[in-house]
Amino acid sequence: MDWLSPLLGGLGLGAIVKSGVDAILSKKSARQKIQYEEMREAYFGLLNALHKAAVEPSEKNSKEFALWQTRVQLFGSSEVAAAVQGIIDTNDGPRERTDQFFNQMIEYMRRDLQKYAA
């Protein structure tokens, strides 16, 4: 019966360690969910603002687009932010170049959302 006390103590320690690991994993999962939601909102907001600015150009819509661009810089990937900047930089140039940046932006957004949704 001398082995019973250490066995029960070991089981208690294991439960404490498991509780700690579960708490850490739960916090990490919650953080990832928040990050995904912020990224998703920033990307959809940017697309909506881009549409408004293209359909109805105005100072108000330009400022709204700039706000969403900043949110993408905060919550999105650097690749998406660079593609958005490319769209802005080539807006007055050849349409093909702007379309190329737009397509890159969409592809990077899709990749980011799939990566964080899993």
PDB file of N, CA and C in Angstrom:
ATOM      1  N   MET A   1       0.794  -1.188   0.000  1.00  0.00           N
ATOM      2  CA  MET A   1       0.000   0.000   0.000  1.00  0.00           C
ATOM      3  C   MET A   1       0.844   1.263   0.000  1.00  0.00           C
ATOM      4  N   ASP A   2       2.169   1.132   0.117  1.00  0.00           N
ATOM      5  CA  ASP A   2       3.036   2.306   0.091  1.00  0.00           C
ATOM      6  C   ASP A   2       3.026   2.985  -1.282  1.00  0.00           C
ATOM      7  N   TRP A   3       2.676   2.280  -2.301  1.00  0.00           N
ATOM      8  CA  TRP A   3       2.662   2.840  -3.645  1.00  0.00           C
ATOM      9  C   TRP A   3       1.392   3.654  -3.923  1.00  0.00           C
ATOM     10  N   LEU A   4       0.342   3.473  -3.130  1.00  0.00           N
ATOM     11  CA  LEU A   4      -0.933   4.139  -3.374  1.00  0.00           C
ATOM     12  C   LEU A   4      -0.849   5.659  -3.199  1.00  0.00           C
ATOM     13  N   SER A   5      -0.164   6.112  -2.176  1.00  0.00           N
ATOM     14  CA  SER A   5      -0.060   7.552  -1.913  1.00  0.00           C
ATOM     15  C   SER A   5       0.677   8.291  -3.032  1.00  0.00           C
ATOM     16  N   PRO A   6       1.856   7.808  -3.474  1.00  0.00           N
ATOM     17  CA  PRO A   6       2.528   8.498  -4.595  1.00  0.00           C
ATOM     18  C   PRO A   6       1.712   8.452  -5.892  1.00  0.00           C
ATOM     19  N   LEU A   7       0.996   7.351  -6.104  1.00  0.00           N
ATOM     20  CA  LEU A   7       0.175   7.232  -7.308  1.00  0.00           C
ATOM     21  C   LEU A   7      -0.939   8.280  -7.307  1.00  0.00           C
ATOM     22  N   LEU A   8      -1.620   8.408  -6.187  1.00  0.00           N
ATOM     23  CA  LEU A   8      -2.682   9.410  -6.091  1.00  0.00           C
ATOM     24  C   LEU A   8      -2.122  10.826  -6.208  1.00  0.00           C
ATOM     25  N   GLY A   9      -0.974  11.078  -5.621  1.00  0.00           N
ATOM     26  CA  GLY A   9      -0.327  12.391  -5.740  1.00  0.00           C
ATOM     27  C   GLY A   9       0.057  12.687  -7.174  1.00  0.00           C
ATOM     28  N   GLY A  10       0.577  11.685  -7.867  1.00  0.00           N
ATOM     29  CA  GLY A  10       0.946  11.856  -9.272  1.00  0.00           C
ATOM     30  C   GLY A  10      -0.255  12.147 -10.140  1.00  0.00           C
ATOM     31  N   LEU A  11      -1.357  11.492  -9.856  1.00  0.00           N
ATOM     32  CA  LEU A  11      -2.582  11.755 -10.615  1.00  0.00           C
ATOM     33  C   LEU A  11      -3.068  13.176 -10.382  1.00  0.00           C
ATOM     34  N   GLY A  12      -2.947  13.663  -9.184  1.00  0.00           N
ATOM     35  CA  GLY A  12      -3.344  15.042  -8.887  1.00  0.00           C
ATOM     36  C   GLY A  12      -2.485  16.041  -9.629  1.00  0.00           C
ATOM     37  N   LEU A  13      -1.184  15.797  -9.672  1.00  0.00           N
ATOM     38  CA  LEU A  13      -0.263  16.678 -10.385  1.00  0.00           C
ATOM     39  C   LEU A  13      -0.563  16.666 -11.882  1.00  0.00           C
ATOM     40  N   GLY A  14      -0.877  15.485 -12.401  1.00  0.00           N
ATOM     41  CA  GLY A  14      -1.227  15.374 -13.822  1.00  0.00           C
ATOM     42  C   GLY A  14      -2.470  16.177 -14.165  1.00  0.00           C
ATOM     43  N   ALA A  15      -3.444  16.153 -13.276  1.00  0.00           N
ATOM     44  CA  ALA A  15      -4.676  16.909 -13.508  1.00  0.00           C
ATOM     45  C   ALA A  15      -4.405  18.409 -13.508  1.00  0.00           C
ATOM     46  N   ILE A  16      -3.516  18.846 -12.612  1.00  0.00           N
ATOM     47  CA  ILE A  16      -3.165  20.271 -12.551  1.00  0.00           C
ATOM     48  C   ILE A  16      -2.451  20.696 -13.828  1.00  0.00           C
ATOM     49  N   VAL A  17      -1.507  19.882 -14.282  1.00  0.00           N
ATOM     50  CA  VAL A  17      -0.772  20.190 -15.514  1.00  0.00           C
ATOM     51  C   VAL A  17      -1.736  20.225 -16.701  1.00  0.00           C
ATOM     52  N   LYS A  18      -2.635  19.237 -16.767  1.00  0.00           N
ATOM     53  CA  LYS A  18      -3.612  19.199 -17.860  1.00  0.00           C
ATOM     54  C   LYS A  18      -4.500  20.447 -17.835  1.00  0.00           C
ATOM     55  N   SER A  19      -4.924  20.867 -16.661  1.00  0.00           N
ATOM     56  CA  SER A  19      -5.736  22.084 -16.545  1.00  0.00           C
ATOM     57  C   SER A  19      -4.983  23.297 -17.074  1.00  0.00           C
ATOM     58  N   GLY A  20      -3.715  23.397 -16.729  1.00  0.00           N
ATOM     59  CA  GLY A  20      -2.894  24.516 -17.200  1.00  0.00           C
ATOM     60  C   GLY A  20      -2.754  24.521 -18.705  1.00  0.00           C
ATOM     61  N   VAL A  21      -2.472  23.361 -19.279  1.00  0.00           N
ATOM     62  CA  VAL A  21      -2.320  23.249 -20.733  1.00  0.00           C
ATOM     63  C   VAL A  21      -3.641  23.585 -21.428  1.00  0.00           C
ATOM     64  N   ASP A  22      -4.750  23.069 -20.899  1.00  0.00           N
ATOM     65  CA  ASP A  22      -6.066  23.368 -21.482  1.00  0.00           C
ATOM     66  C   ASP A  22      -6.363  24.865 -21.459  1.00  0.00           C
ATOM     67  N   ALA A  23      -6.018  25.530 -20.368  1.00  0.00           N
ATOM     68  CA  ALA A  23      -6.260  26.973 -20.254  1.00  0.00           C
ATOM     69  C   ALA A  23      -5.437  27.744 -21.279  1.00  0.00           C
ATOM     70  N   ILE A  24      -4.181  27.361 -21.449  1.00  0.00           N
ATOM     71  CA  ILE A  24      -3.306  28.028 -22.421  1.00  0.00           C
ATOM     72  C   ILE A  24      -3.839  27.837 -23.836  1.00  0.00           C
ATOM     73  N   LEU A  25      -4.214  26.604 -24.172  1.00  0.00           N
ATOM     74  CA  LEU A  25      -4.734  26.328 -25.512  1.00  0.00           C
ATOM     75  C   LEU A  25      -6.053  27.056 -25.762  1.00  0.00           C
ATOM     76  N   SER A  26      -6.875  27.167 -24.747  1.00  0.00           N
ATOM     77  CA  SER A  26      -8.145  27.878 -24.882  1.00  0.00           C
ATOM     78  C   SER A  26      -7.918  29.363 -25.165  1.00  0.00           C
ATOM     79  N   LYS A  27      -6.970  29.970 -24.451  1.00  0.00           N
ATOM     80  CA  LYS A  27      -6.658  31.384 -24.686  1.00  0.00           C
ATOM     81  C   LYS A  27      -6.101  31.595 -26.087  1.00  0.00           C
ATOM     82  N   LYS A  28      -5.241  30.676 -26.526  1.00  0.00           N
ATOM     83  CA  LYS A  28      -4.654  30.787 -27.862  1.00  0.00           C
ATOM     84  C   LYS A  28      -5.748  30.685 -28.927  1.00  0.00           C
ATOM     85  N   SER A  29      -6.662  29.762 -28.743  1.00  0.00           N
ATOM     86  CA  SER A  29      -7.760  29.592 -29.689  1.00  0.00           C
ATOM     87  C   SER A  29      -8.648  30.834 -29.735  1.00  0.00           C
ATOM     88  N   ALA A  30      -8.937  31.411 -28.584  1.00  0.00           N
ATOM     89  CA  ALA A  30      -9.760  32.624 -28.532  1.00  0.00           C
ATOM     90  C   ALA A  30      -9.057  33.783 -29.221  1.00  0.00           C
ATOM     91  N   ARG A  31      -7.742  33.895 -29.024  1.00  0.00           N
ATOM     92  CA  ARG A  31      -6.962  34.958 -29.670  1.00  0.00           C
ATOM     93  C   ARG A  31      -6.985  34.792 -31.186  1.00  0.00           C
ATOM     94  N   GLN A  32      -6.836  33.547 -31.660  1.00  0.00           N
ATOM     95  CA  GLN A  32      -6.851  33.293 -33.096  1.00  0.00           C
ATOM     96  C   GLN A  32      -8.221  33.601 -33.699  1.00  0.00           C
ATOM     97  N   LYS A  33      -9.282  33.295 -32.957  1.00  0.00           N
ATOM     98  CA  LYS A  33     -10.629  33.585 -33.448  1.00  0.00           C
ATOM     99  C   LYS A  33     -10.841  35.088 -33.582  1.00  0.00           C
ATOM    100  N   ILE A  34     -10.395  35.844 -32.594  1.00  0.00           N
ATOM    101  CA  ILE A  34     -10.518  37.307 -32.649  1.00  0.00           C
ATOM    102  C   ILE A  34      -9.708  37.862 -33.812  1.00  0.00           C
ATOM    103  N   GLN A  35      -8.486  37.333 -34.001  1.00  0.00           N
ATOM    104  CA  GLN A  35      -7.635  37.792 -35.098  1.00  0.00           C
ATOM    105  C   GLN A  35      -8.303  37.508 -36.446  1.00  0.00           C
ATOM    106  N   TYR A  36      -8.881  36.327 -36.597  1.00  0.00           N
ATOM    107  CA  TYR A  36      -9.570  35.979 -37.835  1.00  0.00           C
ATOM    108  C   TYR A  36     -10.748  36.925 -38.087  1.00  0.00           C
ATOM    109  N   GLU A  37     -11.547  37.182 -37.050  1.00  0.00           N
ATOM    110  CA  GLU A  37     -12.710  38.052 -37.210  1.00  0.00           C
ATOM    111  C   GLU A  37     -12.305  39.478 -37.572  1.00  0.00           C
ATOM    112  N   GLU A  38     -11.249  39.988 -36.950  1.00  0.00           N
ATOM    113  CA  GLU A  38     -10.767  41.340 -37.271  1.00  0.00           C
ATOM    114  C   GLU A  38     -10.255  41.401 -38.711  1.00  0.00           C
ATOM    115  N   MET A  39      -9.506  40.373 -39.109  1.00  0.00           N
ATOM    116  CA  MET A  39      -8.972  40.323 -40.470  1.00  0.00           C
ATOM    117  C   MET A  39     -10.112  40.253 -41.481  1.00  0.00           C
ATOM    118  N   ARG A  40     -11.060  39.391 -41.228  1.00  0.00           N
ATOM    119  CA  ARG A  40     -12.199  39.215 -42.128  1.00  0.00           C
ATOM    120  C   ARG A  40     -12.980  40.526 -42.271  1.00  0.00           C
ATOM    121  N   GLU A  41     -13.244  41.174 -41.152  1.00  0.00           N
ATOM    122  CA  GLU A  41     -13.976  42.442 -41.181  1.00  0.00           C
ATOM    123  C   GLU A  41     -13.195  43.509 -41.952  1.00  0.00           C
ATOM    124  N   ALA A  42     -11.886  43.564 -41.746  1.00  0.00           N
ATOM    125  CA  ALA A  42     -11.057  44.550 -42.449  1.00  0.00           C
ATOM    126  C   ALA A  42     -11.069  44.297 -43.955  1.00  0.00           C
ATOM    127  N   TYR A  43     -10.969  43.036 -44.356  1.00  0.00           N
ATOM    128  CA  TYR A  43     -10.957  42.714 -45.780  1.00  0.00           C
ATOM    129  C   TYR A  43     -12.307  43.020 -46.433  1.00  0.00           C
ATOM    130  N   PHE A  44     -13.399  42.617 -45.794  1.00  0.00           N
ATOM    131  CA  PHE A  44     -14.715  42.880 -46.377  1.00  0.00           C
ATOM    132  C   PHE A  44     -15.025  44.372 -46.386  1.00  0.00           C
ATOM    133  N   GLY A  45     -14.626  45.070 -45.343  1.00  0.00           N
ATOM    134  CA  GLY A  45     -14.822  46.520 -45.302  1.00  0.00           C
ATOM    135  C   GLY A  45     -14.043  47.221 -46.403  1.00  0.00           C
ATOM    136  N   LEU A  46     -12.813  46.767 -46.631  1.00  0.00           N
ATOM    137  CA  LEU A  46     -11.993  47.354 -47.693  1.00  0.00           C
ATOM    138  C   LEU A  46     -12.629  47.120 -49.063  1.00  0.00           C
ATOM    139  N   LEU A  47     -13.096  45.902 -49.303  1.00  0.00           N
ATOM    140  CA  LEU A  47     -13.728  45.612 -50.594  1.00  0.00           C
ATOM    141  C   LEU A  47     -14.976  46.466 -50.802  1.00  0.00           C
ATOM    142  N   ASN A  48     -15.758  46.631 -49.766  1.00  0.00           N
ATOM    143  CA  ASN A  48     -16.956  47.470 -49.857  1.00  0.00           C
ATOM    144  C   ASN A  48     -16.577  48.931 -50.123  1.00  0.00           C
ATOM    145  N   ALA A  49     -15.573  49.429 -49.407  1.00  0.00           N
ATOM    146  CA  ALA A  49     -15.130  50.818 -49.600  1.00  0.00           C
ATOM    147  C   ALA A  49     -14.530  51.013 -50.993  1.00  0.00           C
ATOM    148  N   LEU A  50     -13.809  50.023 -51.487  1.00  0.00           N
ATOM    149  CA  LEU A  50     -13.236  50.092 -52.834  1.00  0.00           C
ATOM    150  C   LEU A  50     -14.357  50.160 -53.871  1.00  0.00           C
ATOM    151  N   HIS A  51     -15.387  49.367 -53.665  1.00  0.00           N
ATOM    152  CA  HIS A  51     -16.538  49.390 -54.575  1.00  0.00           C
ATOM    153  C   HIS A  51     -17.212  50.765 -54.567  1.00  0.00           C
ATOM    154  N   LYS A  52     -17.455  51.302 -53.372  1.00  0.00           N
ATOM    155  CA  LYS A  52     -18.089  52.623 -53.269  1.00  0.00           C
ATOM    156  C   LYS A  52     -17.243  53.697 -53.945  1.00  0.00           C
ATOM    157  N   ALA A  53     -15.939  53.648 -53.726  1.00  0.00           N
ATOM    158  CA  ALA A  53     -15.053  54.657 -54.315  1.00  0.00           C
ATOM    159  C   ALA A  53     -15.024  54.549 -55.837  1.00  0.00           C
ATOM    160  N   ALA A  54     -15.161  53.327 -56.369  1.00  0.00           N
ATOM    161  CA  ALA A  54     -15.141  53.143 -57.819  1.00  0.00           C
ATOM    162  C   ALA A  54     -16.469  53.551 -58.455  1.00  0.00           C
ATOM    163  N   VAL A  55     -17.573  53.217 -57.810  1.00  0.00           N
ATOM    164  CA  VAL A  55     -18.896  53.491 -58.369  1.00  0.00           C
ATOM    165  C   VAL A  55     -19.294  54.951 -58.191  1.00  0.00           C
ATOM    166  N   GLU A  56     -18.950  55.508 -57.039  1.00  0.00           N
ATOM    167  CA  GLU A  56     -19.352  56.873 -56.718  1.00  0.00           C
ATOM    168  C   GLU A  56     -18.160  57.624 -56.120  1.00  0.00           C
ATOM    169  N   PRO A  57     -17.227  58.063 -56.974  1.00  0.00           N
ATOM    170  CA  PRO A  57     -16.040  58.755 -56.454  1.00  0.00           C
ATOM    171  C   PRO A  57     -16.420  60.039 -55.712  1.00  0.00           C
ATOM    172  N   SER A  58     -15.909  60.173 -54.506  1.00  0.00           N
ATOM    173  CA  SER A  58     -16.138  61.381 -53.716  1.00  0.00           C
ATOM    174  C   SER A  58     -15.075  61.441 -52.627  1.00  0.00           C
ATOM    175  N   GLU A  59     -14.945  62.604 -52.028  1.00  0.00           N
ATOM    176  CA  GLU A  59     -13.976  62.749 -50.940  1.00  0.00           C
ATOM    177  C   GLU A  59     -14.360  61.851 -49.766  1.00  0.00           C
ATOM    178  N   LYS A  60     -15.650  61.773 -49.490  1.00  0.00           N
ATOM    179  CA  LYS A  60     -16.137  60.932 -48.386  1.00  0.00           C
ATOM    180  C   LYS A  60     -15.765  59.469 -48.618  1.00  0.00           C
ATOM    181  N   ASN A  61     -16.005  58.966 -49.826  1.00  0.00           N
ATOM    182  CA  ASN A  61     -15.692  57.572 -50.131  1.00  0.00           C
ATOM    183  C   ASN A  61     -14.190  57.321 -50.148  1.00  0.00           C
ATOM    184  N   SER A  62     -13.414  58.312 -50.566  1.00  0.00           N
ATOM    185  CA  SER A  62     -11.951  58.179 -50.527  1.00  0.00           C
ATOM    186  C   SER A  62     -11.452  58.072 -49.092  1.00  0.00           C
ATOM    187  N   LYS A  63     -12.036  58.871 -48.209  1.00  0.00           N
ATOM    188  CA  LYS A  63     -11.640  58.816 -46.798  1.00  0.00           C
ATOM    189  C   LYS A  63     -12.050  57.496 -46.156  1.00  0.00           C
ATOM    190  N   GLU A  64     -13.208  56.993 -46.532  1.00  0.00           N
ATOM    191  CA  GLU A  64     -13.648  55.696 -45.998  1.00  0.00           C
ATOM    192  C   GLU A  64     -12.711  54.585 -46.470  1.00  0.00           C
ATOM    193  N   PHE A  65     -12.311  54.655 -47.740  1.00  0.00           N
ATOM    194  CA  PHE A  65     -11.357  53.677 -48.263  1.00  0.00           C
ATOM    195  C   PHE A  65     -10.041  53.751 -47.492  1.00  0.00           C
ATOM    196  N   ALA A  66      -9.565  54.959 -47.219  1.00  0.00           N
ATOM    197  CA  ALA A  66      -8.310  55.126 -46.473  1.00  0.00           C
ATOM    198  C   ALA A  66      -8.423  54.540 -45.067  1.00  0.00           C
ATOM    199  N   LEU A  67      -9.581  54.686 -44.439  1.00  0.00           N
ATOM    200  CA  LEU A  67      -9.798  54.104 -43.113  1.00  0.00           C
ATOM    201  C   LEU A  67      -9.679  52.588 -43.163  1.00  0.00           C
ATOM    202  N   TRP A  68     -10.339  51.972 -44.147  1.00  0.00           N
ATOM    203  CA  TRP A  68     -10.279  50.516 -44.263  1.00  0.00           C
ATOM    204  C   TRP A  68      -8.888  50.053 -44.673  1.00  0.00           C
ATOM    205  N   GLN A  69      -8.192  50.849 -45.459  1.00  0.00           N
ATOM    206  CA  GLN A  69      -6.812  50.506 -45.807  1.00  0.00           C
ATOM    207  C   GLN A  69      -5.958  50.445 -44.540  1.00  0.00           C
ATOM    208  N   THR A  70      -6.163  51.385 -43.641  1.00  0.00           N
ATOM    209  CA  THR A  70      -5.422  51.392 -42.379  1.00  0.00           C
ATOM    210  C   THR A  70      -5.774  50.169 -41.539  1.00  0.00           C
ATOM    211  N   ARG A  71      -7.033  49.799 -41.519  1.00  0.00           N
ATOM    212  CA  ARG A  71      -7.424  48.596 -40.764  1.00  0.00           C
ATOM    213  C   ARG A  71      -6.777  47.351 -41.355  1.00  0.00           C
ATOM    214  N   VAL A  72      -6.656  47.298 -42.681  1.00  0.00           N
ATOM    215  CA  VAL A  72      -5.970  46.165 -43.308  1.00  0.00           C
ATOM    216  C   VAL A  72      -4.504  46.155 -42.892  1.00  0.00           C
ATOM    217  N   GLN A  73      -3.888  47.322 -42.813  1.00  0.00           N
ATOM    218  CA  GLN A  73      -2.496  47.385 -42.366  1.00  0.00           C
ATOM    219  C   GLN A  73      -2.350  46.891 -40.935  1.00  0.00           C
ATOM    220  N   LEU A  74      -3.365  47.131 -40.108  1.00  0.00           N
ATOM    221  CA  LEU A  74      -3.319  46.689 -38.713  1.00  0.00           C
ATOM    222  C   LEU A  74      -3.614  45.202 -38.554  1.00  0.00           C
ATOM    223  N   PHE A  75      -4.632  44.707 -39.235  1.00  0.00           N
ATOM    224  CA  PHE A  75      -5.126  43.358 -38.980  1.00  0.00           C
ATOM    225  C   PHE A  75      -4.881  42.369 -40.112  1.00  0.00           C
ATOM    226  N   GLY A  76      -4.514  42.850 -41.289  1.00  0.00           N
ATOM    227  CA  GLY A  76      -4.298  41.965 -42.423  1.00  0.00           C
ATOM    228  C   GLY A  76      -2.835  41.616 -42.594  1.00  0.00           C
ATOM    229  N   SER A  77      -2.568  40.865 -43.632  1.00  0.00           N
ATOM    230  CA  SER A  77      -1.184  40.480 -43.913  1.00  0.00           C
ATOM    231  C   SER A  77      -0.470  41.600 -44.671  1.00  0.00           C
ATOM    232  N   SER A  78       0.838  41.573 -44.613  1.00  0.00           N
ATOM    233  CA  SER A  78       1.627  42.590 -45.314  1.00  0.00           C
ATOM    234  C   SER A  78       1.468  42.454 -46.828  1.00  0.00           C
ATOM    235  N   GLU A  79       1.211  41.232 -47.305  1.00  0.00           N
ATOM    236  CA  GLU A  79       1.012  41.026 -48.742  1.00  0.00           C
ATOM    237  C   GLU A  79      -0.252  41.740 -49.227  1.00  0.00           C
ATOM    238  N   VAL A  80      -1.331  41.632 -48.463  1.00  0.00           N
ATOM    239  CA  VAL A  80      -2.579  42.308 -48.842  1.00  0.00           C
ATOM    240  C   VAL A  80      -2.385  43.819 -48.793  1.00  0.00           C
ATOM    241  N   ALA A  81      -1.739  44.309 -47.742  1.00  0.00           N
ATOM    242  CA  ALA A  81      -1.499  45.752 -47.614  1.00  0.00           C
ATOM    243  C   ALA A  81      -0.670  46.268 -48.790  1.00  0.00           C
ATOM    244  N   ALA A  82       0.335  45.500 -49.210  1.00  0.00           N
ATOM    245  CA  ALA A  82       1.173  45.910 -50.342  1.00  0.00           C
ATOM    246  C   ALA A  82       0.370  45.910 -51.645  1.00  0.00           C
ATOM    247  N   ALA A  83      -0.497  44.926 -51.821  1.00  0.00           N
ATOM    248  CA  ALA A  83      -1.321  44.878 -53.033  1.00  0.00           C
ATOM    249  C   ALA A  83      -2.296  46.058 -53.069  1.00  0.00           C
ATOM    250  N   VAL A  84      -2.863  46.414 -51.919  1.00  0.00           N
ATOM    251  CA  VAL A  84      -3.764  47.573 -51.854  1.00  0.00           C
ATOM    252  C   VAL A  84      -3.002  48.842 -52.221  1.00  0.00           C
ATOM    253  N   GLN A  85      -1.799  48.986 -51.692  1.00  0.00           N
ATOM    254  CA  GLN A  85      -0.984  50.158 -52.028  1.00  0.00           C
ATOM    255  C   GLN A  85      -0.656  50.167 -53.518  1.00  0.00           C
ATOM    256  N   GLY A  86      -0.430  48.989 -54.092  1.00  0.00           N
ATOM    257  CA  GLY A  86      -0.190  48.893 -55.532  1.00  0.00           C
ATOM    258  C   GLY A  86      -1.383  49.354 -56.346  1.00  0.00           C
ATOM    259  N   ILE A  87      -2.585  49.022 -55.891  1.00  0.00           N
ATOM    260  CA  ILE A  87      -3.805  49.485 -56.567  1.00  0.00           C
ATOM    261  C   ILE A  87      -3.851  51.010 -56.556  1.00  0.00           C
ATOM    262  N   ILE A  88      -3.551  51.588 -55.410  1.00  0.00           N
ATOM    263  CA  ILE A  88      -3.574  53.053 -55.283  1.00  0.00           C
ATOM    264  C   ILE A  88      -2.512  53.689 -56.176  1.00  0.00           C
ATOM    265  N   ASP A  89      -1.308  53.144 -56.151  1.00  0.00           N
ATOM    266  CA  ASP A  89      -0.190  53.721 -56.905  1.00  0.00           C
ATOM    267  C   ASP A  89      -0.393  53.643 -58.415  1.00  0.00           C
ATOM    268  N   THR A  90      -1.121  52.625 -58.884  1.00  0.00           N
ATOM    269  CA  THR A  90      -1.309  52.448 -60.330  1.00  0.00           C
ATOM    270  C   THR A  90      -2.694  52.884 -60.796  1.00  0.00           C
ATOM    271  N   ASN A  91      -3.448  53.527 -59.936  1.00  0.00           N
ATOM    272  CA  ASN A  91      -4.821  53.910 -60.271  1.00  0.00           C
ATOM    273  C   ASN A  91      -4.892  54.818 -61.497  1.00  0.00           C
ATOM    274  N   ASP A  92      -3.915  55.696 -61.667  1.00  0.00           N
ATOM    275  CA  ASP A  92      -3.915  56.608 -62.817  1.00  0.00           C
ATOM    276  C   ASP A  92      -3.159  56.045 -64.010  1.00  0.00           C
ATOM    277  N   GLY A  93      -2.595  54.862 -63.869  1.00  0.00           N
ATOM    278  CA  GLY A  93      -1.800  54.262 -64.933  1.00  0.00           C
ATOM    279  C   GLY A  93      -2.610  53.274 -65.760  1.00  0.00           C
ATOM    280  N   PRO A  94      -1.903  52.360 -66.415  1.00  0.00           N
ATOM    281  CA  PRO A  94      -2.578  51.357 -67.247  1.00  0.00           C
ATOM    282  C   PRO A  94      -3.516  50.468 -66.416  1.00  0.00           C
ATOM    283  N   ARG A  95      -4.682  50.216 -66.950  1.00  0.00           N
ATOM    284  CA  ARG A  95      -5.702  49.418 -66.247  1.00  0.00           C
ATOM    285  C   ARG A  95      -5.204  48.004 -65.950  1.00  0.00           C
ATOM    286  N   GLU A  96      -4.392  47.451 -66.843  1.00  0.00           N
ATOM    287  CA  GLU A  96      -3.901  46.086 -66.662  1.00  0.00           C
ATOM    288  C   GLU A  96      -3.071  45.956 -65.387  1.00  0.00           C
ATOM    289  N   ARG A  97      -2.268  46.973 -65.110  1.00  0.00           N
ATOM    290  CA  ARG A  97      -1.411  46.944 -63.909  1.00  0.00           C
ATOM    291  C   ARG A  97      -2.259  47.024 -62.636  1.00  0.00           C
ATOM    292  N   THR A  98      -3.275  47.887 -62.647  1.00  0.00           N
ATOM    293  CA  THR A  98      -4.181  47.991 -61.498  1.00  0.00           C
ATOM    294  C   THR A  98      -4.923  46.675 -61.288  1.00  0.00           C
ATOM    295  N   ASP A  99      -5.379  46.074 -62.386  1.00  0.00           N
ATOM    296  CA  ASP A  99      -6.073  44.786 -62.297  1.00  0.00           C
ATOM    297  C   ASP A  99      -5.159  43.701 -61.737  1.00  0.00           C
ATOM    298  N   GLN A 100      -3.884  43.761 -62.101  1.00  0.00           N
ATOM    299  CA  GLN A 100      -2.925  42.780 -61.590  1.00  0.00           C
ATOM    300  C   GLN A 100      -2.815  42.891 -60.062  1.00  0.00           C
ATOM    301  N   PHE A 101      -2.713  44.100 -59.550  1.00  0.00           N
ATOM    302  CA  PHE A 101      -2.651  44.286 -58.096  1.00  0.00           C
ATOM    303  C   PHE A 101      -3.967  43.871 -57.434  1.00  0.00           C
ATOM    304  N   PHE A 102      -5.089  44.166 -58.094  1.00  0.00           N
ATOM    305  CA  PHE A 102      -6.387  43.772 -57.541  1.00  0.00           C
ATOM    306  C   PHE A 102      -6.477  42.251 -57.425  1.00  0.00           C
ATOM    307  N   ASN A 103      -6.079  41.553 -58.482  1.00  0.00           N
ATOM    308  CA  ASN A 103      -6.116  40.089 -58.460  1.00  0.00           C
ATOM    309  C   ASN A 103      -5.180  39.518 -57.395  1.00  0.00           C
ATOM    310  N   GLN A 104      -4.008  40.132 -57.235  1.00  0.00           N
ATOM    311  CA  GLN A 104      -3.098  39.707 -56.164  1.00  0.00           C
ATOM    312  C   GLN A 104      -3.752  39.904 -54.801  1.00  0.00           C
ATOM    313  N   MET A 105      -4.379  41.055 -54.621  1.00  0.00           N
ATOM    314  CA  MET A 105      -5.034  41.353 -53.346  1.00  0.00           C
ATOM    315  C   MET A 105      -6.088  40.290 -53.023  1.00  0.00           C
ATOM    316  N   ILE A 106      -6.920  39.958 -53.998  1.00  0.00           N
ATOM    317  CA  ILE A 106      -7.969  38.956 -53.791  1.00  0.00           C
ATOM    318  C   ILE A 106      -7.350  37.603 -53.446  1.00  0.00           C
ATOM    319  N   GLU A 107      -6.310  37.222 -54.152  1.00  0.00           N
ATOM    320  CA  GLU A 107      -5.662  35.932 -53.892  1.00  0.00           C
ATOM    321  C   GLU A 107      -5.052  35.890 -52.492  1.00  0.00           C
ATOM    322  N   TYR A 108      -4.383  36.960 -52.084  1.00  0.00           N
ATOM    323  CA  TYR A 108      -3.799  37.016 -50.739  1.00  0.00           C
ATOM    324  C   TYR A 108      -4.891  37.004 -49.668  1.00  0.00           C
ATOM    325  N   MET A 109      -5.975  37.720 -49.909  1.00  0.00           N
ATOM    326  CA  MET A 109      -7.084  37.710 -48.948  1.00  0.00           C
ATOM    327  C   MET A 109      -7.641  36.302 -48.792  1.00  0.00           C
ATOM    328  N   ARG A 110      -7.867  35.645 -49.909  1.00  0.00           N
ATOM    329  CA  ARG A 110      -8.407  34.284 -49.890  1.00  0.00           C
ATOM    330  C   ARG A 110      -7.479  33.360 -49.106  1.00  0.00           C
ATOM    331  N   ARG A 111      -6.195  33.457 -49.374  1.00  0.00           N
ATOM    332  CA  ARG A 111      -5.212  32.609 -48.685  1.00  0.00           C
ATOM    333  C   ARG A 111      -5.211  32.878 -47.180  1.00  0.00           C
ATOM    334  N   ASP A 112      -5.219  34.153 -46.807  1.00  0.00           N
ATOM    335  CA  ASP A 112      -5.213  34.513 -45.384  1.00  0.00           C
ATOM    336  C   ASP A 112      -6.453  33.988 -44.671  1.00  0.00           C
ATOM    337  N   LEU A 113      -7.608  34.188 -45.270  1.00  0.00           N
ATOM    338  CA  LEU A 113      -8.852  33.771 -44.624  1.00  0.00           C
ATOM    339  C   LEU A 113      -8.938  32.252 -44.510  1.00  0.00           C
ATOM    340  N   GLN A 114      -8.460  31.538 -45.511  1.00  0.00           N
ATOM    341  CA  GLN A 114      -8.456  30.075 -45.433  1.00  0.00           C
ATOM    342  C   GLN A 114      -7.478  29.583 -44.372  1.00  0.00           C
ATOM    343  N   LYS A 115      -6.337  30.252 -44.266  1.00  0.00           N
ATOM    344  CA  LYS A 115      -5.318  29.845 -43.290  1.00  0.00           C
ATOM    345  C   LYS A 115      -5.822  30.018 -41.862  1.00  0.00           C
ATOM    346  N   TYR A 116      -6.474  31.132 -41.583  1.00  0.00           N
ATOM    347  CA  TYR A 116      -6.913  31.409 -40.213  1.00  0.00           C
ATOM    348  C   TYR A 116      -8.263  30.792 -39.879  1.00  0.00           C
ATOM    349  N   ALA A 117      -9.028  30.386 -40.896  1.00  0.00           N
ATOM    350  CA  ALA A 117     -10.331  29.775 -40.629  1.00  0.00           C
ATOM    351  C   ALA A 117     -10.173  28.326 -40.187  1.00  0.00           C
ATOM    352  N   ALA A 118      -9.076  27.708 -40.575  1.00  0.00           N
ATOM    353  CA  ALA A 118      -8.864  26.282 -40.259  1.00  0.00           C
ATOM    354  C   ALA A 118      -8.538  26.044 -38.818  1.00  0.00           C
TER     355      ALA A 118
END
